[in-house]
Amino acid sequence: MKYRFFAAFTGALLTVSALSACSNNNTSDYEENTPAVSEDLTSEMTETDAEEATVPVREADTKALSEKSAANRPQLVFAMDNGDYVYSAYKNDSDTPVEVYVRNDHKGKTEELDIPEGSELLYSDGEKLYYYSADDGLCEYDNKRSTPLNKETKSENTVKRDNFFFADDCIYFAVSDDKGTEIRSMDYSGKLSDKVYSTERRNARIVGFYDGKPVCSYDVGTYGYICIFDSEKSSTELKTGNKPYIVGDKVYFIDLNSLCCMPVAGGEEEKLSDERCTDFCFYGDKLIFTDGTSVFSVENGRTTTIFDTEKLNNCDYISGLGITDDKLFVCGSSGSFWKSIAEIDDSGKVAEEIIAGIDR
């Protein structure tokens, strides 16, 4: 087994705080434990200074952004209580590189986790990890031991990150068949709740919560929609776009390569940027997005380029952004089996870079 890892530090290693999750709650109804909805956003369209930026954007107040919502977005790294990072990497001990998950202590020691090949790591509470296995469904990984939680989480369909939402006291998961999709929940021991939300749309995913109820997304042809539940069997459909993200009373999404938003309750779609957008996230009170080449930071109505692909090791493009434990990460890629993950600050300065790919 051959890895190549690179890590460069600037400053002292920060202690990673825990993501809260309660693992011993056996109640049968979790509605009262649904993640709190963030405060309303206030926004104002402002033209940017041509010398400082080229992208007109909407200012977004994201200080009340839920940590749980950020933790349930696709993660580039997972932070553990002791400061370790866990992330996917490629090993080259066969004709075709294989993706595995690695734990890194930032001191030169890395360890491959004993997670079945083809599984997808979804969430960390700081002590335990949770991954999806095609054979067993959702599993808990703790101290090198895997425990399947409930066979109902196993699906014959393709499972994505947003098929699951990890709340404080329960885990929501989407189950789809020819009749539509059900949103179920269970506690962290695997005990199912009686409450089930259902929609006739197939392959719906969970993208957040609004008014104490889950919000789903799904595709109809080439268009993206969200489903806002009024009750367990009643919902309202809203046309949006790709990668929807509920923040307060707004849903942010990518529509025809443009970053847009609109009220969850319905209304006019607003285009937030004239630049191409391939991914976005919220970092403190700043909106961060990428066009696949550069990373932009938006604050107080001004847009600044803070990072570009050239700052990453041997990367041709930026493949994703992510927030873990209030830290901003950028992932760059080249080819099929090369990637570099960098932790950066809000000015684009690299705090640490991890090479998790195979040499070209």
Protein backbone atom coordinates (compact mmCIF):
# COMPACT_ATOMS: atom_id res chain seq x y z
CA MET A 1 0.00 0.00 0.00
CA LYS A 2 1.56 3.27 -1.09
CA TYR A 3 0.34 6.74 -0.08
CA ARG A 4 1.63 10.18 -0.75
CA PHE A 5 0.66 12.80 1.81
CA PHE A 6 1.87 16.37 2.17
CA ALA A 7 1.13 18.67 5.11
CA ALA A 8 2.49 22.15 5.77
CA PHE A 9 1.54 24.11 8.87
CA THR A 10 1.52 27.82 9.58
CA GLY A 11 0.91 28.59 13.26
CA ALA A 12 -0.14 26.26 16.04
CA LEU A 13 -2.53 23.36 15.53
CA LEU A 14 -6.04 24.29 16.62
CA THR A 15 -8.03 21.99 18.85
CA VAL A 16 -11.08 20.77 17.01
CA SER A 17 -14.36 21.18 18.86
CA ALA A 18 -17.00 18.47 18.90
CA LEU A 19 -20.09 18.35 16.74
CA SER A 20 -22.88 17.59 19.15
CA ALA A 21 -24.95 14.42 18.78
CA CYS A 22 -26.98 12.54 21.37
CA SER A 23 -26.67 8.76 21.05
CA ASN A 24 -28.98 7.36 23.70
CA ASN A 25 -32.40 8.85 23.10
CA ASN A 26 -35.10 6.23 22.57
CA THR A 27 -38.13 8.46 22.04
CA SER A 28 -40.54 7.52 19.26
CA ASP A 29 -41.20 11.02 17.93
CA TYR A 30 -38.41 13.46 17.17
CA GLU A 31 -40.25 16.51 15.91
CA GLU A 32 -39.45 18.45 19.07
CA ASN A 33 -35.76 17.72 18.51
CA THR A 34 -35.68 19.00 14.94
CA PRO A 35 -32.71 21.34 14.32
CA ALA A 36 -33.63 24.95 15.00
CA VAL A 37 -34.21 27.11 11.95
CA SER A 38 -31.78 29.99 11.53
CA GLU A 39 -32.90 33.61 11.83
CA ASP A 40 -34.19 35.43 8.76
CA LEU A 41 -31.64 36.80 6.36
CA THR A 42 -31.37 40.45 5.46
CA SER A 43 -29.99 41.23 2.04
CA GLU A 44 -29.20 44.16 -0.16
CA MET A 45 -28.01 44.21 -3.78
CA THR A 46 -24.85 46.26 -4.12
CA GLU A 47 -22.63 46.96 -7.13
CA THR A 48 -18.98 46.04 -6.50
CA ASP A 49 -15.96 48.28 -7.02
CA ALA A 50 -14.43 47.38 -10.37
CA GLU A 51 -10.90 47.50 -8.94
CA GLU A 52 -11.68 45.22 -6.03
CA ALA A 53 -14.10 42.79 -7.64
CA THR A 54 -15.92 41.89 -10.80
CA VAL A 55 -18.98 40.14 -9.41
CA PRO A 56 -22.16 41.93 -8.30
CA VAL A 57 -23.64 39.98 -5.40
CA ARG A 58 -26.24 40.03 -2.69
CA GLU A 59 -25.01 40.63 0.84
CA ALA A 60 -26.12 37.80 3.13
CA ASP A 61 -26.19 37.82 6.93
CA THR A 62 -25.25 34.25 7.82
CA LYS A 63 -24.17 34.64 11.43
CA ALA A 64 -27.15 32.55 12.57
CA LEU A 65 -26.31 29.72 10.19
CA SER A 66 -26.88 26.38 11.90
CA GLU A 67 -23.75 24.32 12.57
CA LYS A 68 -25.83 21.23 11.92
CA SER A 69 -26.81 22.46 8.47
CA ALA A 70 -23.15 23.04 7.60
CA ALA A 71 -22.17 19.61 8.97
CA ASN A 72 -24.78 17.97 6.76
CA ARG A 73 -23.37 19.46 3.57
CA PRO A 74 -20.82 17.32 1.65
CA GLN A 75 -17.61 17.29 3.69
CA LEU A 76 -14.04 17.41 2.40
CA VAL A 77 -12.65 16.48 5.82
CA PHE A 78 -14.18 15.27 9.09
CA ALA A 79 -12.86 16.74 12.35
CA MET A 80 -12.37 14.55 15.43
CA ASP A 81 -12.34 15.71 19.05
CA ASN A 82 -8.60 15.11 19.46
CA GLY A 83 -7.75 17.28 16.44
CA ASP A 84 -7.35 14.50 13.87
CA TYR A 85 -8.74 14.88 10.37
CA VAL A 86 -10.44 12.06 8.46
CA TYR A 87 -10.77 12.26 4.67
CA SER A 88 -10.87 10.09 1.58
CA ALA A 89 -7.63 9.28 -0.22
CA TYR A 90 -6.44 7.00 -2.99
CA LYS A 91 -4.07 4.07 -2.51
CA ASN A 92 -2.22 2.43 -5.35
CA ASP A 93 -1.61 -1.23 -4.54
CA SER A 94 -3.39 -2.66 -7.58
CA ASP A 95 -3.90 -1.89 -11.27
CA THR A 96 -6.64 0.60 -10.40
CA PRO A 97 -6.31 3.07 -7.49
CA VAL A 98 -8.81 2.45 -4.71
CA GLU A 99 -10.50 5.13 -2.61
CA VAL A 100 -10.10 4.62 1.14
CA TYR A 101 -10.59 6.73 4.27
CA VAL A 102 -7.58 7.91 6.23
CA ARG A 103 -7.12 9.38 9.70
CA ASN A 104 -4.34 12.00 9.96
CA ASP A 105 -2.93 13.24 13.29
CA HIS A 106 -1.07 16.20 11.63
CA LYS A 107 2.23 14.85 13.03
CA GLY A 108 3.17 12.59 10.15
CA LYS A 109 1.08 9.59 11.19
CA THR A 110 -1.75 8.38 8.94
CA GLU A 111 -3.97 5.35 9.39
CA GLU A 112 -6.34 3.72 6.91
CA LEU A 113 -9.75 3.13 8.47
CA ASP A 114 -11.27 -0.34 8.30
CA ILE A 115 -14.32 0.76 6.35
CA PRO A 116 -15.63 -1.52 3.56
CA GLU A 117 -14.52 -0.63 0.05
CA GLY A 118 -17.15 1.36 -1.82
CA SER A 119 -18.66 2.83 1.37
CA GLU A 120 -19.28 6.56 1.77
CA LEU A 121 -18.38 8.42 4.94
CA LEU A 122 -21.20 10.81 5.83
CA TYR A 123 -20.77 12.38 9.25
CA SER A 124 -18.67 12.67 12.41
CA ASP A 125 -19.82 13.68 15.87
CA GLY A 126 -16.21 14.16 16.95
CA GLU A 127 -15.85 10.70 18.44
CA LYS A 128 -17.71 8.37 16.12
CA LEU A 129 -18.00 8.24 12.35
CA TYR A 130 -21.05 7.28 10.32
CA TYR A 131 -20.84 5.75 6.87
CA TYR A 132 -23.14 4.13 4.33
CA SER A 133 -22.44 0.59 3.13
CA ALA A 134 -24.28 -1.01 0.21
CA ASP A 135 -24.40 -4.27 2.19
CA ASP A 136 -25.47 -2.97 5.61
CA GLY A 137 -26.96 0.51 5.14
CA LEU A 138 -25.97 3.19 7.64
CA CYS A 139 -23.23 2.08 10.03
CA GLU A 140 -21.51 3.51 13.09
CA TYR A 141 -17.70 3.32 13.18
CA ASP A 142 -16.15 3.59 16.63
CA ASN A 143 -12.67 2.52 17.72
CA LYS A 144 -12.15 0.35 14.59
CA ARG A 145 -15.50 -1.37 15.07
CA SER A 146 -18.45 -1.07 12.67
CA THR A 147 -22.06 -1.48 13.80
CA PRO A 148 -25.01 -1.46 11.35
CA LEU A 149 -27.78 0.74 12.81
CA ASN A 150 -30.96 -0.31 11.01
CA LYS A 151 -31.60 -2.38 7.89
CA GLU A 152 -34.32 0.10 6.85
CA THR A 153 -31.56 2.52 5.86
CA LYS A 154 -30.33 0.12 3.18
CA SER A 155 -31.41 1.05 -0.35
CA GLU A 156 -31.34 -0.60 -3.75
CA ASN A 157 -31.01 2.85 -5.33
CA THR A 158 -27.93 5.05 -5.53
CA VAL A 159 -27.39 6.69 -2.16
CA LYS A 160 -26.04 10.26 -1.95
CA ARG A 161 -24.88 12.34 1.00
CA ASP A 162 -28.20 14.15 1.20
CA ASN A 163 -30.15 10.92 1.65
CA PHE A 164 -29.29 11.44 5.35
CA PHE A 165 -29.54 14.33 7.80
CA PHE A 166 -27.87 14.02 11.21
CA ALA A 167 -29.69 16.03 13.90
CA ASP A 168 -28.85 16.27 17.61
CA ASP A 169 -31.04 13.38 18.76
CA CYS A 170 -31.94 11.52 15.59
CA ILE A 171 -30.95 10.68 12.05
CA TYR A 172 -33.35 11.38 9.19
CA PHE A 173 -33.08 9.25 6.06
CA ALA A 174 -34.84 9.10 2.70
CA VAL A 175 -36.29 5.83 1.38
CA SER A 176 -37.46 5.80 -2.23
CA ASP A 177 -39.38 3.29 -4.35
CA ASP A 178 -41.78 3.33 -7.31
CA LYS A 179 -44.47 5.00 -5.17
CA GLY A 180 -42.32 7.95 -4.11
CA THR A 181 -40.11 8.83 -1.16
CA GLU A 182 -40.53 8.56 2.60
CA ILE A 183 -38.50 10.61 5.08
CA ARG A 184 -38.06 8.50 8.20
CA SER A 185 -36.02 8.97 11.36
CA MET A 186 -34.34 6.91 14.03
CA ASP A 187 -32.30 7.63 17.14
CA TYR A 188 -28.56 7.00 17.23
CA SER A 189 -29.10 3.45 18.54
CA GLY A 190 -31.12 2.62 15.40
CA LYS A 191 -34.62 2.71 16.93
CA LEU A 192 -37.16 3.98 14.40
CA SER A 193 -39.61 6.79 15.00
CA ASP A 194 -43.30 6.46 14.06
CA LYS A 195 -43.32 9.82 12.25
CA VAL A 196 -42.92 9.53 8.48
CA TYR A 197 -43.05 12.30 5.85
CA SER A 198 -44.01 11.15 2.37
CA THR A 199 -43.98 12.60 -1.15
CA GLU A 200 -44.93 11.11 -4.50
CA ARG A 201 -41.60 12.24 -5.94
CA ARG A 202 -39.02 9.51 -6.35
CA ASN A 203 -35.39 9.79 -5.28
CA ALA A 204 -35.97 12.84 -3.08
CA ARG A 205 -33.12 13.91 -0.80
CA ILE A 206 -33.03 15.90 2.45
CA VAL A 207 -31.55 19.41 2.16
CA GLY A 208 -32.55 21.00 5.45
CA PHE A 209 -35.46 22.09 7.63
CA TYR A 210 -38.02 24.88 7.46
CA ASP A 211 -40.68 25.65 10.04
CA GLY A 212 -39.62 22.53 11.98
CA LYS A 213 -40.16 20.14 9.07
CA PRO A 214 -37.74 18.53 6.61
CA VAL A 215 -37.23 19.98 3.14
CA CYS A 216 -36.50 17.64 0.23
CA SER A 217 -34.97 18.17 -3.20
CA TYR A 218 -35.41 16.19 -6.39
CA ASP A 219 -35.02 16.52 -10.13
CA VAL A 220 -37.78 16.62 -12.72
CA GLY A 221 -36.11 16.32 -16.09
CA THR A 222 -33.33 18.92 -16.16
CA TYR A 223 -34.94 21.10 -13.47
CA GLY A 224 -34.41 21.02 -9.72
CA TYR A 225 -37.21 21.36 -7.16
CA ILE A 226 -37.60 21.41 -3.42
CA CYS A 227 -40.51 19.99 -1.45
CA ILE A 228 -41.58 21.87 1.71
CA PHE A 229 -43.72 19.69 3.98
CA ASP A 230 -46.84 21.27 5.47
CA SER A 231 -47.61 18.02 7.31
CA GLU A 232 -46.55 14.39 7.09
CA LYS A 233 -48.50 13.83 3.85
CA SER A 234 -48.91 17.35 2.50
CA SER A 235 -46.22 19.41 0.81
CA THR A 236 -45.59 22.40 -1.42
CA GLU A 237 -43.35 22.20 -4.48
CA LEU A 238 -40.95 24.99 -5.45
CA LYS A 239 -38.78 25.09 -8.59
CA THR A 240 -35.18 25.96 -7.69
CA GLY A 241 -31.97 24.48 -9.07
CA ASN A 242 -28.96 22.37 -8.12
CA LYS A 243 -27.33 22.07 -4.66
CA PRO A 244 -30.16 23.78 -2.73
CA TYR A 245 -29.23 25.05 0.73
CA ILE A 246 -31.78 26.32 3.27
CA VAL A 247 -30.51 29.36 5.22
CA GLY A 248 -33.16 31.10 7.34
CA ASP A 249 -36.17 31.76 5.14
CA LYS A 250 -34.14 31.61 1.91
CA VAL A 251 -33.08 28.73 -0.30
CA TYR A 252 -29.78 29.20 -2.14
CA PHE A 253 -29.04 27.13 -5.25
CA ILE A 254 -27.22 26.99 -8.58
CA ASP A 255 -29.41 27.56 -11.64
CA LEU A 256 -27.83 27.37 -15.10
CA ASN A 257 -24.38 27.87 -13.56
CA SER A 258 -25.50 31.00 -11.69
CA LEU A 259 -25.81 31.38 -7.91
CA CYS A 260 -29.39 32.29 -7.03
CA CYS A 261 -31.78 32.47 -4.09
CA MET A 262 -35.47 32.82 -3.39
CA PRO A 263 -37.80 32.70 -0.36
CA VAL A 264 -38.66 29.18 0.79
CA ALA A 265 -42.27 30.34 0.99
CA GLY A 266 -42.16 31.13 -2.73
CA GLY A 267 -41.43 34.24 -4.77
CA GLU A 268 -39.15 35.60 -7.44
CA GLU A 269 -35.80 33.96 -8.11
CA GLU A 270 -32.90 36.38 -7.66
CA LYS A 271 -29.58 35.97 -9.42
CA LEU A 272 -26.75 36.75 -6.99
CA SER A 273 -23.75 36.69 -9.29
CA ASP A 274 -22.87 37.15 -12.93
CA GLU A 275 -19.90 34.84 -12.47
CA ARG A 276 -20.18 31.13 -13.16
CA CYS A 277 -20.77 29.18 -9.93
CA THR A 278 -19.93 25.51 -9.50
CA ASP A 279 -20.05 25.29 -5.68
CA PHE A 280 -20.69 27.56 -2.69
CA CYS A 281 -20.80 27.66 1.10
CA PHE A 282 -21.18 30.12 3.97
CA TYR A 283 -18.14 30.90 6.10
CA GLY A 284 -19.08 33.00 9.12
CA ASP A 285 -20.76 36.10 7.72
CA LYS A 286 -19.28 35.60 4.24
CA LEU A 287 -20.58 33.89 1.16
CA ILE A 288 -17.83 31.80 -0.47
CA PHE A 289 -18.16 30.42 -3.98
CA THR A 290 -16.03 29.10 -6.81
CA ASP A 291 -16.24 29.13 -10.59
CA GLY A 292 -13.99 26.06 -10.79
CA THR A 293 -10.83 28.14 -11.14
CA SER A 294 -10.91 30.82 -8.43
CA VAL A 295 -12.52 31.17 -4.99
CA PHE A 296 -14.44 34.37 -4.19
CA SER A 297 -15.33 35.87 -0.82
CA VAL A 298 -18.36 38.11 -0.51
CA GLU A 299 -18.75 40.49 2.44
CA ASN A 300 -20.61 43.78 2.86
CA GLY A 301 -21.61 43.75 -0.79
CA ARG A 302 -18.04 43.42 -2.08
CA THR A 303 -16.52 40.43 -3.82
CA THR A 304 -12.84 39.59 -3.58
CA THR A 305 -10.84 36.81 -5.21
CA ILE A 306 -9.07 35.08 -2.32
CA PHE A 307 -7.75 31.87 -3.84
CA ASP A 308 -7.06 30.18 -7.15
CA THR A 309 -6.07 26.77 -8.46
CA GLU A 310 -2.39 27.67 -8.78
CA LYS A 311 -2.07 27.71 -4.98
CA LEU A 312 -2.85 23.98 -4.84
CA ASN A 313 -0.29 21.26 -5.53
CA ASN A 314 -0.49 20.00 -9.15
CA CYS A 315 -4.22 20.74 -9.51
CA ASP A 316 -5.98 21.81 -12.72
CA TYR A 317 -9.29 22.91 -11.22
CA ILE A 318 -11.19 23.43 -7.97
CA SER A 319 -13.64 20.58 -7.45
CA GLY A 320 -15.35 21.63 -4.21
CA LEU A 321 -15.66 23.80 -1.11
CA GLY A 322 -16.60 22.76 2.41
CA ILE A 323 -16.97 23.93 5.99
CA THR A 324 -15.91 21.68 8.87
CA ASP A 325 -15.77 22.86 12.47
CA ASP A 326 -16.01 26.50 11.32
CA LYS A 327 -12.99 26.05 9.03
CA LEU A 328 -12.97 26.58 5.28
CA PHE A 329 -11.60 23.88 2.98
CA VAL A 330 -10.92 23.90 -0.75
CA CYS A 331 -10.40 20.76 -2.82
CA GLY A 332 -8.50 20.80 -6.10
CA SER A 333 -8.22 17.93 -8.56
CA SER A 334 -6.44 16.74 -11.68
CA GLY A 335 -7.39 13.64 -13.61
CA SER A 336 -9.27 10.84 -11.90
CA PHE A 337 -7.03 10.06 -8.93
CA TRP A 338 -5.30 13.26 -7.82
CA LYS A 339 -6.63 15.73 -5.29
CA SER A 340 -5.34 18.26 -2.83
CA ILE A 341 -7.34 19.54 0.15
CA ALA A 342 -6.33 22.89 1.64
CA GLU A 343 -7.57 24.57 4.81
CA ILE A 344 -7.56 28.32 4.19
CA ASP A 345 -8.56 31.42 6.15
CA ASP A 346 -10.94 34.12 4.94
CA SER A 347 -8.12 35.87 3.08
CA GLY A 348 -7.09 32.71 1.24
CA LYS A 349 -3.95 31.99 3.26
CA VAL A 350 -3.23 28.25 3.43
CA ALA A 351 -3.03 26.84 6.97
CA GLU A 352 -2.56 23.22 5.88
CA GLU A 353 -2.52 21.26 2.65
CA ILE A 354 -3.15 17.53 2.39
CA ILE A 355 -2.33 15.57 -0.74
CA ALA A 356 -4.73 12.62 -0.92
CA GLY A 357 -4.18 11.40 -4.44
CA ILE A 358 -1.94 9.25 -6.60
CA ASP A 359 0.99 10.82 -8.50
CA ARG A 360 0.28 11.43 -12.13
